[in-house]
Amino acid sequence: MLVLTRRAGEGIIIGDDVKVTILESQDGKIRIGIEAPRDRKIYRQEVYDRICRENREASQWDAEKRDILEAVLLKKEAGN
């Protein structure tokens, strides 16, 4: 882990296309600005962690659950 000390108005560059700027520090909170290409995905850590957890849970479906869901969907389609 790289640890840096920055003041308001200072920043860092990540790669060739991401710039992180410290906007202000007040009451123990730091506001940052991130400049990056629109196709770069940028998440708050807690959001990213939730996405990863939900993806893991979704990938752990067993065949029995999949078969039950498929049967329910087929029955619903047959009723239309």
C-alpha atoms as a PDB file:
ATOM      1  CA  MET A   1       0.000   0.000   0.000  1.00  0.00           C
ATOM      2  CA  LEU A   2       1.284   3.412  -0.936  1.00  0.00           C
ATOM      3  CA  VAL A   3       0.676   5.976   1.805  1.00  0.00           C
ATOM      4  CA  LEU A   4       0.805   9.668   0.892  1.00  0.00           C
ATOM      5  CA  THR A   5       0.162  12.931   2.666  1.00  0.00           C
ATOM      6  CA  ARG A   6      -1.754  15.452   0.576  1.00  0.00           C
ATOM      7  CA  ARG A   7      -3.298  18.843   1.286  1.00  0.00           C
ATOM      8  CA  ALA A   8      -6.393  20.427  -0.203  1.00  0.00           C
ATOM      9  CA  GLY A   9      -5.760  21.218  -3.852  1.00  0.00           C
ATOM     10  CA  GLU A  10      -3.078  18.547  -4.187  1.00  0.00           C
ATOM     11  CA  GLY A  11      -3.633  15.240  -5.905  1.00  0.00           C
ATOM     12  CA  ILE A  12      -2.240  12.053  -7.341  1.00  0.00           C
ATOM     13  CA  ILE A  13      -2.278  10.477 -10.788  1.00  0.00           C
ATOM     14  CA  ILE A  14      -3.134   6.802 -11.260  1.00  0.00           C
ATOM     15  CA  GLY A  15      -1.978   5.404 -14.575  1.00  0.00           C
ATOM     16  CA  ASP A  16      -2.302   7.787 -17.482  1.00  0.00           C
ATOM     17  CA  ASP A  17      -5.979   8.586 -17.139  1.00  0.00           C
ATOM     18  CA  VAL A  18      -7.113   8.883 -13.507  1.00  0.00           C
ATOM     19  CA  LYS A  19      -6.530  11.960 -11.359  1.00  0.00           C
ATOM     20  CA  VAL A  20      -7.527  12.102  -7.682  1.00  0.00           C
ATOM     21  CA  THR A  21      -7.607  15.556  -6.078  1.00  0.00           C
ATOM     22  CA  ILE A  22      -8.074  16.407  -2.405  1.00  0.00           C
ATOM     23  CA  LEU A  23     -10.822  19.030  -2.360  1.00  0.00           C
ATOM     24  CA  GLU A  24     -11.076  19.721   1.365  1.00  0.00           C
ATOM     25  CA  SER A  25     -10.477  18.258   4.796  1.00  0.00           C
ATOM     26  CA  GLN A  26     -12.845  19.238   7.588  1.00  0.00           C
ATOM     27  CA  ASP A  27     -14.040  17.667  10.842  1.00  0.00           C
ATOM     28  CA  GLY A  28     -12.170  14.430  10.180  1.00  0.00           C
ATOM     29  CA  LYS A  29     -13.714  14.019   6.722  1.00  0.00           C
ATOM     30  CA  ILE A  30     -11.919  14.364   3.422  1.00  0.00           C
ATOM     31  CA  ARG A  31     -13.630  15.275   0.145  1.00  0.00           C
ATOM     32  CA  ILE A  32     -11.935  14.002  -2.962  1.00  0.00           C
ATOM     33  CA  GLY A  33     -12.549  14.547  -6.655  1.00  0.00           C
ATOM     34  CA  ILE A  34     -11.844  11.887  -9.255  1.00  0.00           C
ATOM     35  CA  GLU A  35     -11.282  12.618 -12.931  1.00  0.00           C
ATOM     36  CA  ALA A  36     -11.410   9.484 -15.074  1.00  0.00           C
ATOM     37  CA  PRO A  37     -12.710   8.344 -18.447  1.00  0.00           C
ATOM     38  CA  ARG A  38     -16.443   7.594 -18.422  1.00  0.00           C
ATOM     39  CA  ASP A  39     -15.816   3.923 -19.210  1.00  0.00           C
ATOM     40  CA  ARG A  40     -13.855   3.486 -15.939  1.00  0.00           C
ATOM     41  CA  LYS A  41     -15.977   2.045 -13.142  1.00  0.00           C
ATOM     42  CA  ILE A  42     -15.450   3.885  -9.864  1.00  0.00           C
ATOM     43  CA  TYR A  43     -17.195   2.667  -6.709  1.00  0.00           C
ATOM     44  CA  ARG A  44     -17.166   3.556  -3.036  1.00  0.00           C
ATOM     45  CA  GLN A  45     -15.542   0.638  -1.188  1.00  0.00           C
ATOM     46  CA  GLU A  46     -18.749  -0.428   0.594  1.00  0.00           C
ATOM     47  CA  VAL A  47     -20.670  -0.502  -2.712  1.00  0.00           C
ATOM     48  CA  TYR A  48     -17.932  -2.521  -4.416  1.00  0.00           C
ATOM     49  CA  ASP A  49     -17.847  -4.990  -1.505  1.00  0.00           C
ATOM     50  CA  ARG A  50     -21.637  -5.442  -1.734  1.00  0.00           C
ATOM     51  CA  ILE A  51     -21.463  -6.038  -5.503  1.00  0.00           C
ATOM     52  CA  CYS A  52     -18.766  -8.670  -4.991  1.00  0.00           C
ATOM     53  CA  ARG A  53     -20.734 -10.382  -2.201  1.00  0.00           C
ATOM     54  CA  GLU A  54     -23.936 -10.461  -4.260  1.00  0.00           C
ATOM     55  CA  ASN A  55     -22.063 -11.819  -7.289  1.00  0.00           C
ATOM     56  CA  ARG A  56     -20.541 -14.596  -5.137  1.00  0.00           C
ATOM     57  CA  GLU A  57     -23.964 -15.479  -3.728  1.00  0.00           C
ATOM     58  CA  ALA A  58     -25.540 -15.511  -7.191  1.00  0.00           C
ATOM     59  CA  SER A  59     -22.835 -17.812  -8.531  1.00  0.00           C
ATOM     60  CA  GLN A  60     -23.433 -20.348  -5.764  1.00  0.00           C
ATOM     61  CA  TRP A  61     -26.882 -21.410  -6.914  1.00  0.00           C
ATOM     62  CA  ASP A  62     -27.066 -25.164  -7.002  1.00  0.00           C
ATOM     63  CA  ALA A  63     -28.695 -27.184  -9.784  1.00  0.00           C
ATOM     64  CA  GLU A  64     -31.775 -27.981  -7.691  1.00  0.00           C
ATOM     65  CA  LYS A  65     -32.600 -24.290  -7.143  1.00  0.00           C
ATOM     66  CA  ARG A  66     -32.031 -23.587 -10.829  1.00  0.00           C
ATOM     67  CA  ASP A  67     -34.355 -26.438 -11.813  1.00  0.00           C
ATOM     68  CA  ILE A  68     -37.085 -25.192  -9.453  1.00  0.00           C
ATOM     69  CA  LEU A  69     -36.836 -21.671 -10.860  1.00  0.00           C
ATOM     70  CA  GLU A  70     -36.897 -22.988 -14.417  1.00  0.00           C
ATOM     71  CA  ALA A  71     -40.011 -25.052 -13.677  1.00  0.00           C
ATOM     72  CA  VAL A  72     -41.787 -22.028 -12.183  1.00  0.00           C
ATOM     73  CA  LEU A  73     -40.905 -19.888 -15.192  1.00  0.00           C
ATOM     74  CA  LEU A  74     -42.003 -22.562 -17.672  1.00  0.00           C
ATOM     75  CA  LYS A  75     -45.305 -22.998 -15.818  1.00  0.00           C
ATOM     76  CA  LYS A  76     -45.845 -19.235 -15.894  1.00  0.00           C
ATOM     77  CA  GLU A  77     -45.125 -19.113 -19.655  1.00  0.00           C
ATOM     78  CA  ALA A  78     -47.481 -22.016 -20.290  1.00  0.00           C
ATOM     79  CA  GLY A  79     -50.261 -20.137 -18.473  1.00  0.00           C
ATOM     80  CA  ASN A  80     -49.994 -17.152 -20.847  1.00  0.00           C
END
